Amino acid sequence: MSNTRIAFIGAGNMAASLIGGMRAQGVDASRITACDPGAETRQRVAAEHGIKTFADNAQAIDGADVVLIAVKPQVMKAVCESLRPHLQPGQLIVSVAAGITSVSMAKWLGERPIVRCMPNTPALVRQGVSGLFATPQVSAEQRQQAEQLLSAVGVALWLEEEQQLDAVTAVSGSGPAYFFLLIEAMTAAGVKLGLPQETAAKLTLQTALGAAHMAINSDVDAAELRRRVTSPSGTTEAAIKSFQAGGFEALVEKALGAAAHRSAEMAEQLGN
């Protein structure tokens, strides 16, 4: 990445986290540019990361090897069509817009190397995970560039089929909100059981962190970890049985299915 020139179209939170991750890995500020319509956003990103920022997309992408588009899906078509006349041959396009397919992007940008990414919000603290899909036009070197770029804020995983990005959206893209909901519910339950709000919140958060660390660093899967902590006729078993009696697993499957369906639905709605 040290020799790669990268231009960001859109300099919001996700773009800023990627820029910060790259800078932390030693990428020189002179190799990075960003464009955003908001003057305050441009000023903040320039001050925090020491990079050049522009209000004009054409200026930002001039000479870039990689053009990363980090705008809302609803404006993706307009942004791509405005970029098209200014793109140079061989430039890699990386998109982090949810639900916008490579077919739609090729229609708006012309046939060129495209990598679609589905990162998640923990990327903001460099603990994210991203699913990546590359079109056939993407070279091995460009795949490496995209992987290194997303790895700057967490883990990057390649997918064989673009349709799998809908599942990635359901599992990890939307996933942080599921855990936040569980944290809310556990904290509220702790308060009802007599704990002070602050104590219940700290207990819940540290438990979530500890469980995640154990799962990541363990040589067994989550099901085995659960079995190991669930003593017969004990307190944990009582809670697990209550979860399962309420259809916990089926509810999770239904919820993720709804998210994946909505991702595919958005692609159809926004891709025209």
C-alpha atoms as a PDB file:
ATOM      1  CA  MET A   1       0.000   0.000   0.000  1.00  0.00           C
ATOM      2  CA  SER A   2       2.955   2.361   0.504  1.00  0.00           C
ATOM      3  CA  ASN A   3       3.207   2.933  -3.263  1.00  0.00           C
ATOM      4  CA  THR A   4      -0.543   3.013  -3.951  1.00  0.00           C
ATOM      5  CA  ARG A   5      -2.354   6.302  -4.465  1.00  0.00           C
ATOM      6  CA  ILE A   6      -5.875   6.202  -3.046  1.00  0.00           C
ATOM      7  CA  ALA A   7      -8.715   8.687  -3.523  1.00  0.00           C
ATOM      8  CA  PHE A   8     -11.793   8.659  -1.303  1.00  0.00           C
ATOM      9  CA  ILE A   9     -15.086   9.894  -2.707  1.00  0.00           C
ATOM     10  CA  GLY A  10     -16.991  10.764   0.434  1.00  0.00           C
ATOM     11  CA  ALA A  11     -15.101  11.503   3.644  1.00  0.00           C
ATOM     12  CA  GLY A  12     -17.616  10.481   6.311  1.00  0.00           C
ATOM     13  CA  ASN A  13     -17.030   8.166   9.268  1.00  0.00           C
ATOM     14  CA  MET A  14     -16.220   5.001   7.312  1.00  0.00           C
ATOM     15  CA  ALA A  15     -13.836   6.757   4.938  1.00  0.00           C
ATOM     16  CA  ALA A  16     -12.178   8.587   7.830  1.00  0.00           C
ATOM     17  CA  SER A  17     -11.676   5.311   9.708  1.00  0.00           C
ATOM     18  CA  LEU A  18     -10.046   3.729   6.645  1.00  0.00           C
ATOM     19  CA  ILE A  19      -7.810   6.759   6.178  1.00  0.00           C
ATOM     20  CA  GLY A  20      -6.846   6.618   9.856  1.00  0.00           C
ATOM     21  CA  GLY A  21      -6.088   2.903   9.607  1.00  0.00           C
ATOM     22  CA  MET A  22      -3.895   3.432   6.568  1.00  0.00           C
ATOM     23  CA  ARG A  23      -2.011   6.283   8.211  1.00  0.00           C
ATOM     24  CA  ALA A  24      -1.472   4.129  11.322  1.00  0.00           C
ATOM     25  CA  GLN A  25       0.055   1.463   9.086  1.00  0.00           C
ATOM     26  CA  GLY A  26       2.550   3.959   7.726  1.00  0.00           C
ATOM     27  CA  VAL A  27       0.931   5.039   4.449  1.00  0.00           C
ATOM     28  CA  ASP A  28       2.192   8.532   3.685  1.00  0.00           C
ATOM     29  CA  ALA A  29      -0.407  11.307   3.676  1.00  0.00           C
ATOM     30  CA  SER A  30       0.762  12.366   0.220  1.00  0.00           C
ATOM     31  CA  ARG A  31      -0.622   9.067  -1.189  1.00  0.00           C
ATOM     32  CA  ILE A  32      -4.165   9.788   0.014  1.00  0.00           C
ATOM     33  CA  THR A  33      -6.764  12.307  -1.157  1.00  0.00           C
ATOM     34  CA  ALA A  34     -10.418  12.741  -0.248  1.00  0.00           C
ATOM     35  CA  CYS A  35     -13.389  14.581  -1.673  1.00  0.00           C
ATOM     36  CA  ASP A  36     -16.542  15.599   0.170  1.00  0.00           C
ATOM     37  CA  PRO A  37     -19.205  18.248  -0.469  1.00  0.00           C
ATOM     38  CA  GLY A  38     -19.099  19.363   3.180  1.00  0.00           C
ATOM     39  CA  ALA A  39     -16.487  22.020   3.942  1.00  0.00           C
ATOM     40  CA  GLU A  40     -16.418  21.120   7.648  1.00  0.00           C
ATOM     41  CA  THR A  41     -15.905  17.441   6.840  1.00  0.00           C
ATOM     42  CA  ARG A  42     -13.026  18.260   4.483  1.00  0.00           C
ATOM     43  CA  GLN A  43     -11.389  20.495   7.063  1.00  0.00           C
ATOM     44  CA  ARG A  44     -11.711  17.910   9.832  1.00  0.00           C
ATOM     45  CA  VAL A  45     -10.298  15.031   7.754  1.00  0.00           C
ATOM     46  CA  ALA A  46      -7.438  17.170   6.471  1.00  0.00           C
ATOM     47  CA  ALA A  47      -6.556  18.338   9.985  1.00  0.00           C
ATOM     48  CA  GLU A  48      -6.771  14.869  11.554  1.00  0.00           C
ATOM     49  CA  HIS A  49      -4.874  12.947   8.890  1.00  0.00           C
ATOM     50  CA  GLY A  50      -2.746  15.527   7.078  1.00  0.00           C
ATOM     51  CA  ILE A  51      -4.139  14.667   3.639  1.00  0.00           C
ATOM     52  CA  LYS A  52      -5.282  16.857   0.768  1.00  0.00           C
ATOM     53  CA  THR A  53      -9.036  17.236   0.412  1.00  0.00           C
ATOM     54  CA  PHE A  54     -11.109  18.542  -2.467  1.00  0.00           C
ATOM     55  CA  ALA A  55     -14.641  19.667  -3.205  1.00  0.00           C
ATOM     56  CA  ASP A  56     -14.305  18.410  -6.786  1.00  0.00           C
ATOM     57  CA  ASN A  57     -14.253  14.652  -7.511  1.00  0.00           C
ATOM     58  CA  ALA A  58     -12.169  15.014 -10.682  1.00  0.00           C
ATOM     59  CA  GLN A  59      -9.351  16.692  -8.766  1.00  0.00           C
ATOM     60  CA  ALA A  60      -9.411  14.077  -6.007  1.00  0.00           C
ATOM     61  CA  ILE A  61      -9.126  11.050  -8.326  1.00  0.00           C
ATOM     62  CA  ASP A  62      -6.498  12.468 -10.686  1.00  0.00           C
ATOM     63  CA  GLY A  63      -3.547  10.062 -10.636  1.00  0.00           C
ATOM     64  CA  ALA A  64      -5.124   7.649  -8.138  1.00  0.00           C
ATOM     65  CA  ASP A  65      -4.601   3.882  -8.444  1.00  0.00           C
ATOM     66  CA  VAL A  66      -7.644   3.137  -6.281  1.00  0.00           C
ATOM     67  CA  VAL A  67     -10.872   5.145  -6.090  1.00  0.00           C
ATOM     68  CA  LEU A  68     -12.881   4.208  -3.005  1.00  0.00           C
ATOM     69  CA  ILE A  69     -16.500   5.349  -3.123  1.00  0.00           C
ATOM     70  CA  ALA A  70     -17.961   5.824   0.351  1.00  0.00           C
ATOM     71  CA  VAL A  71     -21.280   7.573  -0.204  1.00  0.00           C
ATOM     72  CA  LYS A  72     -24.855   6.683   0.705  1.00  0.00           C
ATOM     73  CA  PRO A  73     -26.460   4.086  -1.596  1.00  0.00           C
ATOM     74  CA  GLN A  74     -29.209   6.540  -2.521  1.00  0.00           C
ATOM     75  CA  VAL A  75     -26.729   8.899  -4.237  1.00  0.00           C
ATOM     76  CA  MET A  76     -24.434   6.210  -5.669  1.00  0.00           C
ATOM     77  CA  LYS A  77     -25.836   6.412  -9.195  1.00  0.00           C
ATOM     78  CA  ALA A  78     -25.416  10.190  -9.433  1.00  0.00           C
ATOM     79  CA  VAL A  79     -21.889  10.038  -7.986  1.00  0.00           C
ATOM     80  CA  CYS A  80     -20.800   7.258 -10.353  1.00  0.00           C
ATOM     81  CA  GLU A  81     -22.201   8.985 -13.415  1.00  0.00           C
ATOM     82  CA  SER A  82     -20.429  12.203 -12.465  1.00  0.00           C
ATOM     83  CA  LEU A  83     -17.152  10.308 -11.968  1.00  0.00           C
ATOM     84  CA  ARG A  84     -17.269   8.374 -15.235  1.00  0.00           C
ATOM     85  CA  PRO A  85     -15.837  11.048 -17.587  1.00  0.00           C
ATOM     86  CA  HIS A  86     -12.879  11.624 -15.244  1.00  0.00           C
ATOM     87  CA  LEU A  87     -11.820   8.039 -14.517  1.00  0.00           C
ATOM     88  CA  GLN A  88      -8.552   6.830 -15.992  1.00  0.00           C
ATOM     89  CA  PRO A  89      -7.911   3.395 -17.544  1.00  0.00           C
ATOM     90  CA  GLY A  90      -6.998   0.713 -15.018  1.00  0.00           C
ATOM     91  CA  GLN A  91      -8.149   2.572 -11.928  1.00  0.00           C
ATOM     92  CA  LEU A  92      -9.608   0.173  -9.358  1.00  0.00           C
ATOM     93  CA  ILE A  93     -13.034   1.107  -8.021  1.00  0.00           C
ATOM     94  CA  VAL A  94     -13.794   0.012  -4.459  1.00  0.00           C
ATOM     95  CA  SER A  95     -17.331   0.499  -3.179  1.00  0.00           C
ATOM     96  CA  VAL A  96     -18.540   0.291   0.416  1.00  0.00           C
ATOM     97  CA  ALA A  97     -22.145   1.176  -0.500  1.00  0.00           C
ATOM     98  CA  ALA A  98     -24.610  -1.443   0.724  1.00  0.00           C
ATOM     99  CA  GLY A  99     -26.913  -3.011  -1.849  1.00  0.00           C
ATOM    100  CA  ILE A 100     -25.348  -1.549  -5.011  1.00  0.00           C
ATOM    101  CA  THR A 101     -24.283  -4.421  -7.282  1.00  0.00           C
ATOM    102  CA  SER A 102     -21.239  -4.500  -9.520  1.00  0.00           C
ATOM    103  CA  VAL A 103     -23.584  -4.804 -12.515  1.00  0.00           C
ATOM    104  CA  SER A 104     -25.240  -1.499 -11.607  1.00  0.00           C
ATOM    105  CA  MET A 105     -21.873   0.139 -10.991  1.00  0.00           C
ATOM    106  CA  ALA A 106     -20.543  -1.063 -14.357  1.00  0.00           C
ATOM    107  CA  LYS A 107     -23.633   0.379 -16.013  1.00  0.00           C
ATOM    108  CA  TRP A 108     -22.953   3.776 -14.431  1.00  0.00           C
ATOM    109  CA  LEU A 109     -19.133   3.760 -14.583  1.00  0.00           C
ATOM    110  CA  GLY A 110     -18.397   1.611 -17.629  1.00  0.00           C
ATOM    111  CA  GLU A 111     -16.634  -1.758 -17.591  1.00  0.00           C
ATOM    112  CA  ARG A 112     -13.682  -1.507 -15.226  1.00  0.00           C
ATOM    113  CA  PRO A 113     -12.179  -3.316 -12.206  1.00  0.00           C
ATOM    114  CA  ILE A 114     -14.655  -3.167  -9.310  1.00  0.00           C
ATOM    115  CA  VAL A 115     -14.428  -4.528  -5.770  1.00  0.00           C
ATOM    116  CA  ARG A 116     -17.516  -4.414  -3.573  1.00  0.00           C
ATOM    117  CA  CYS A 117     -16.995  -4.369   0.197  1.00  0.00           C
ATOM    118  CA  MET A 118     -19.373  -4.741   3.111  1.00  0.00           C
ATOM    119  CA  PRO A 119     -17.599  -3.398   6.209  1.00  0.00           C
ATOM    120  CA  ASN A 120     -19.271  -2.806   9.564  1.00  0.00           C
ATOM    121  CA  THR A 121     -19.214  -0.004  12.109  1.00  0.00           C
ATOM    122  CA  PRO A 122     -16.548  -1.508  14.443  1.00  0.00           C
ATOM    123  CA  ALA A 123     -14.197  -0.471  11.623  1.00  0.00           C
ATOM    124  CA  LEU A 124     -14.441   2.945  13.297  1.00  0.00           C
ATOM    125  CA  VAL A 125     -12.346   1.509  16.160  1.00  0.00           C
ATOM    126  CA  ARG A 126     -10.298  -0.750  13.822  1.00  0.00           C
ATOM    127  CA  GLN A 127     -12.109  -3.878  14.974  1.00  0.00           C
ATOM    128  CA  GLY A 128     -14.251  -4.331  11.878  1.00  0.00           C
ATOM    129  CA  VAL A 129     -14.814  -7.197   9.502  1.00  0.00           C
ATOM    130  CA  SER A 130     -15.494  -6.849   5.781  1.00  0.00           C
ATOM    131  CA  GLY A 131     -16.708  -9.156   3.041  1.00  0.00           C
ATOM    132  CA  LEU A 132     -15.124  -8.455  -0.371  1.00  0.00           C
ATOM    133  CA  PHE A 133     -16.128  -9.462  -3.893  1.00  0.00           C
ATOM    134  CA  ALA A 134     -14.074  -8.742  -7.030  1.00  0.00           C
ATOM    135  CA  THR A 135     -15.272  -8.647 -10.623  1.00  0.00           C
ATOM    136  CA  PRO A 136     -13.252 -10.607 -13.245  1.00  0.00           C
ATOM    137  CA  GLN A 137     -11.514  -7.414 -14.407  1.00  0.00           C
ATOM    138  CA  VAL A 138      -9.742  -7.060 -11.037  1.00  0.00           C
ATOM    139  CA  SER A 139      -6.094  -8.158 -11.179  1.00  0.00           C
ATOM    140  CA  ALA A 140      -4.278 -10.113  -8.469  1.00  0.00           C
ATOM    141  CA  GLU A 141      -2.382  -6.955  -7.523  1.00  0.00           C
ATOM    142  CA  GLN A 142      -5.624  -4.989  -7.247  1.00  0.00           C
ATOM    143  CA  ARG A 143      -7.192  -7.704  -5.078  1.00  0.00           C
ATOM    144  CA  GLN A 144      -4.220  -7.340  -2.769  1.00  0.00           C
ATOM    145  CA  GLN A 145      -4.617  -3.561  -2.714  1.00  0.00           C
ATOM    146  CA  ALA A 146      -8.305  -3.848  -1.770  1.00  0.00           C
ATOM    147  CA  GLU A 147      -7.599  -6.461   0.895  1.00  0.00           C
ATOM    148  CA  GLN A 148      -4.835  -4.392   2.472  1.00  0.00           C
ATOM    149  CA  LEU A 149      -7.045  -1.306   2.421  1.00  0.00           C
ATOM    150  CA  LEU A 150      -9.906  -2.990   4.304  1.00  0.00           C
ATOM    151  CA  SER A 151      -7.494  -4.862   6.583  1.00  0.00           C
ATOM    152  CA  ALA A 152      -6.382  -1.476   7.910  1.00  0.00           C
ATOM    153  CA  VAL A 153      -9.571  -1.416  10.007  1.00  0.00           C
ATOM    154  CA  GLY A 154     -10.018  -5.107  10.828  1.00  0.00           C
ATOM    155  CA  VAL A 155     -10.427  -8.434   9.047  1.00  0.00           C
ATOM    156  CA  ALA A 156     -11.086  -8.745   5.290  1.00  0.00           C
ATOM    157  CA  LEU A 157     -12.628 -11.919   3.834  1.00  0.00           C
ATOM    158  CA  TRP A 158     -13.031 -12.687   0.105  1.00  0.00           C
ATOM    159  CA  LEU A 159     -16.305 -14.082  -1.255  1.00  0.00           C
ATOM    160  CA  GLU A 160     -16.706 -16.258  -4.339  1.00  0.00           C
ATOM    161  CA  GLU A 161     -20.192 -15.022  -5.246  1.00  0.00           C
ATOM    162  CA  GLU A 162     -21.488 -11.460  -5.144  1.00  0.00           C
ATOM    163  CA  GLN A 163     -24.868 -12.616  -3.862  1.00  0.00           C
ATOM    164  CA  GLN A 164     -23.139 -13.699  -0.649  1.00  0.00           C
ATOM    165  CA  LEU A 165     -22.737 -10.017   0.228  1.00  0.00           C
ATOM    166  CA  ASP A 166     -26.427 -10.000   1.184  1.00  0.00           C
ATOM    167  CA  ALA A 167     -25.632 -12.642   3.817  1.00  0.00           C
ATOM    168  CA  VAL A 168     -22.555 -10.686   4.929  1.00  0.00           C
ATOM    169  CA  THR A 169     -24.775  -7.631   5.336  1.00  0.00           C
ATOM    170  CA  ALA A 170     -27.169  -9.660   7.487  1.00  0.00           C
ATOM    171  CA  VAL A 171     -24.491 -11.289   9.653  1.00  0.00           C
ATOM    172  CA  SER A 172     -21.772  -8.677  10.144  1.00  0.00           C
ATOM    173  CA  GLY A 173     -22.916  -5.493   8.411  1.00  0.00           C
ATOM    174  CA  SER A 174     -26.028  -5.192  10.559  1.00  0.00           C
ATOM    175  CA  GLY A 175     -24.646  -7.494  13.262  1.00  0.00           C
ATOM    176  CA  PRO A 176     -23.296  -4.881  15.706  1.00  0.00           C
ATOM    177  CA  ALA A 177     -26.857  -3.643  16.265  1.00  0.00           C
ATOM    178  CA  TYR A 178     -27.943  -7.142  17.311  1.00  0.00           C
ATOM    179  CA  PHE A 179     -25.264  -7.240  19.996  1.00  0.00           C
ATOM    180  CA  PHE A 180     -26.139  -3.714  21.105  1.00  0.00           C
ATOM    181  CA  LEU A 181     -29.749  -4.854  21.489  1.00  0.00           C
ATOM    182  CA  LEU A 182     -28.637  -7.816  23.624  1.00  0.00           C
ATOM    183  CA  ILE A 183     -26.466  -5.484  25.717  1.00  0.00           C
ATOM    184  CA  GLU A 184     -29.469  -3.190  26.229  1.00  0.00           C
ATOM    185  CA  ALA A 185     -31.693  -6.105  27.228  1.00  0.00           C
ATOM    186  CA  MET A 186     -29.161  -7.687  29.603  1.00  0.00           C
ATOM    187  CA  THR A 187     -28.446  -4.347  31.259  1.00  0.00           C
ATOM    188  CA  ALA A 188     -32.163  -3.660  31.737  1.00  0.00           C
ATOM    189  CA  ALA A 189     -32.698  -7.154  33.147  1.00  0.00           C
ATOM    190  CA  GLY A 190     -29.810  -6.645  35.572  1.00  0.00           C
ATOM    191  CA  VAL A 191     -31.395  -3.434  36.822  1.00  0.00           C
ATOM    192  CA  LYS A 192     -34.713  -5.226  37.358  1.00  0.00           C
ATOM    193  CA  LEU A 193     -32.836  -7.862  39.339  1.00  0.00           C
ATOM    194  CA  GLY A 194     -31.635  -5.132  41.700  1.00  0.00           C
ATOM    195  CA  LEU A 195     -28.310  -3.917  40.277  1.00  0.00           C
ATOM    196  CA  PRO A 196     -27.488  -0.216  39.854  1.00  0.00           C
ATOM    197  CA  GLN A 197     -27.651   0.899  36.193  1.00  0.00           C
ATOM    198  CA  GLU A 198     -23.924   1.606  35.967  1.00  0.00           C
ATOM    199  CA  THR A 199     -22.985  -1.723  37.529  1.00  0.00           C
ATOM    200  CA  ALA A 200     -25.344  -3.684  35.284  1.00  0.00           C
ATOM    201  CA  ALA A 201     -23.965  -1.909  32.211  1.00  0.00           C
ATOM    202  CA  LYS A 202     -20.308  -2.535  33.121  1.00  0.00           C
ATOM    203  CA  LEU A 203     -20.959  -6.189  33.945  1.00  0.00           C
ATOM    204  CA  THR A 204     -22.735  -6.685  30.607  1.00  0.00           C
ATOM    205  CA  LEU A 205     -20.141  -4.872  28.499  1.00  0.00           C
ATOM    206  CA  GLN A 206     -17.158  -6.624  30.031  1.00  0.00           C
ATOM    207  CA  THR A 207     -18.913  -9.984  29.705  1.00  0.00           C
ATOM    208  CA  ALA A 208     -19.548  -9.325  26.009  1.00  0.00           C
ATOM    209  CA  LEU A 209     -15.915  -8.329  25.491  1.00  0.00           C
ATOM    210  CA  GLY A 210     -14.581 -11.317  27.401  1.00  0.00           C
ATOM    211  CA  ALA A 211     -16.829 -13.789  25.597  1.00  0.00           C
ATOM    212  CA  ALA A 212     -15.770 -12.394  22.207  1.00  0.00           C
ATOM    213  CA  HIS A 213     -12.085 -12.684  23.136  1.00  0.00           C
ATOM    214  CA  MET A 214     -12.582 -16.262  24.309  1.00  0.00           C
ATOM    215  CA  ALA A 215     -14.397 -17.215  21.090  1.00  0.00           C
ATOM    216  CA  ILE A 216     -11.779 -15.588  18.852  1.00  0.00           C
ATOM    217  CA  ASN A 217      -8.831 -17.152  20.651  1.00  0.00           C
ATOM    218  CA  SER A 218     -10.327 -20.599  21.276  1.00  0.00           C
ATOM    219  CA  ASP A 219      -9.530 -23.741  19.315  1.00  0.00           C
ATOM    220  CA  VAL A 220     -13.159 -24.923  19.635  1.00  0.00           C
ATOM    221  CA  ASP A 221     -16.381 -23.457  18.273  1.00  0.00           C
ATOM    222  CA  ALA A 222     -18.944 -21.347  20.112  1.00  0.00           C
ATOM    223  CA  ALA A 223     -21.255 -24.298  20.710  1.00  0.00           C
ATOM    224  CA  GLU A 224     -18.518 -26.150  22.611  1.00  0.00           C
ATOM    225  CA  LEU A 225     -17.628 -23.044  24.612  1.00  0.00           C
ATOM    226  CA  ARG A 226     -21.289 -22.716  25.589  1.00  0.00           C
ATOM    227  CA  ARG A 227     -21.437 -26.364  26.650  1.00  0.00           C
ATOM    228  CA  ARG A 228     -18.319 -25.951  28.787  1.00  0.00           C
ATOM    229  CA  VAL A 229     -19.796 -23.074  30.768  1.00  0.00           C
ATOM    230  CA  THR A 230     -23.259 -24.665  31.103  1.00  0.00           C
ATOM    231  CA  SER A 231     -23.202 -26.926  34.154  1.00  0.00           C
ATOM    232  CA  PRO A 232     -26.040 -29.468  34.411  1.00  0.00           C
ATOM    233  CA  SER A 233     -28.912 -28.126  36.525  1.00  0.00           C
ATOM    234  CA  GLY A 234     -27.007 -24.891  37.093  1.00  0.00           C
ATOM    235  CA  THR A 235     -27.844 -21.219  36.619  1.00  0.00           C
ATOM    236  CA  THR A 236     -26.540 -20.983  33.064  1.00  0.00           C
ATOM    237  CA  GLU A 237     -28.561 -24.005  31.981  1.00  0.00           C
ATOM    238  CA  ALA A 238     -31.694 -22.411  33.431  1.00  0.00           C
ATOM    239  CA  ALA A 239     -31.095 -19.261  31.349  1.00  0.00           C
ATOM    240  CA  ILE A 240     -30.193 -21.166  28.157  1.00  0.00           C
ATOM    241  CA  LYS A 241     -33.303 -23.347  28.434  1.00  0.00           C
ATOM    242  CA  SER A 242     -35.414 -20.205  28.826  1.00  0.00           C
ATOM    243  CA  PHE A 243     -33.825 -18.681  25.683  1.00  0.00           C
ATOM    244  CA  GLN A 244     -34.440 -21.843  23.693  1.00  0.00           C
ATOM    245  CA  ALA A 245     -37.998 -22.252  24.945  1.00  0.00           C
ATOM    246  CA  GLY A 246     -38.676 -18.804  23.501  1.00  0.00           C
ATOM    247  CA  GLY A 247     -37.403 -19.892  20.084  1.00  0.00           C
ATOM    248  CA  PHE A 248     -34.124 -17.977  20.292  1.00  0.00           C
ATOM    249  CA  GLU A 249     -32.305 -19.737  17.438  1.00  0.00           C
ATOM    250  CA  ALA A 250     -35.307 -19.599  15.121  1.00  0.00           C
ATOM    251  CA  LEU A 251     -35.798 -15.900  15.894  1.00  0.00           C
ATOM    252  CA  VAL A 252     -32.143 -15.133  15.059  1.00  0.00           C
ATOM    253  CA  GLU A 253     -32.457 -17.064  11.788  1.00  0.00           C
ATOM    254  CA  LYS A 254     -35.638 -15.163  10.919  1.00  0.00           C
ATOM    255  CA  ALA A 255     -34.067 -11.798  11.748  1.00  0.00           C
ATOM    256  CA  LEU A 256     -30.954 -12.380   9.634  1.00  0.00           C
ATOM    257  CA  GLY A 257     -33.113 -13.671   6.803  1.00  0.00           C
ATOM    258  CA  ALA A 258     -35.091 -10.417   6.914  1.00  0.00           C
ATOM    259  CA  ALA A 259     -31.877  -8.387   6.756  1.00  0.00           C
ATOM    260  CA  ALA A 260     -30.528 -10.392   3.802  1.00  0.00           C
ATOM    261  CA  HIS A 261     -33.855 -10.064   1.974  1.00  0.00           C
ATOM    262  CA  ARG A 262     -33.845  -6.308   2.528  1.00  0.00           C
ATOM    263  CA  SER A 263     -30.281  -6.089   1.194  1.00  0.00           C
ATOM    264  CA  ALA A 264     -31.304  -7.842  -2.022  1.00  0.00           C
ATOM    265  CA  GLU A 265     -34.425  -5.681  -2.231  1.00  0.00           C
ATOM    266  CA  MET A 266     -32.339  -2.496  -1.922  1.00  0.00           C
ATOM    267  CA  ALA A 267     -30.070  -3.676  -4.717  1.00  0.00           C
ATOM    268  CA  GLU A 268     -33.076  -4.019  -7.002  1.00  0.00           C
ATOM    269  CA  GLN A 269     -34.550  -0.668  -6.006  1.00  0.00           C
ATOM    270  CA  LEU A 270     -31.330   1.360  -6.168  1.00  0.00           C
ATOM    271  CA  GLY A 271     -29.677  -0.368  -9.118  1.00  0.00           C
ATOM    272  CA  ASN A 272     -31.830   1.082 -11.877  1.00  0.00           C
END
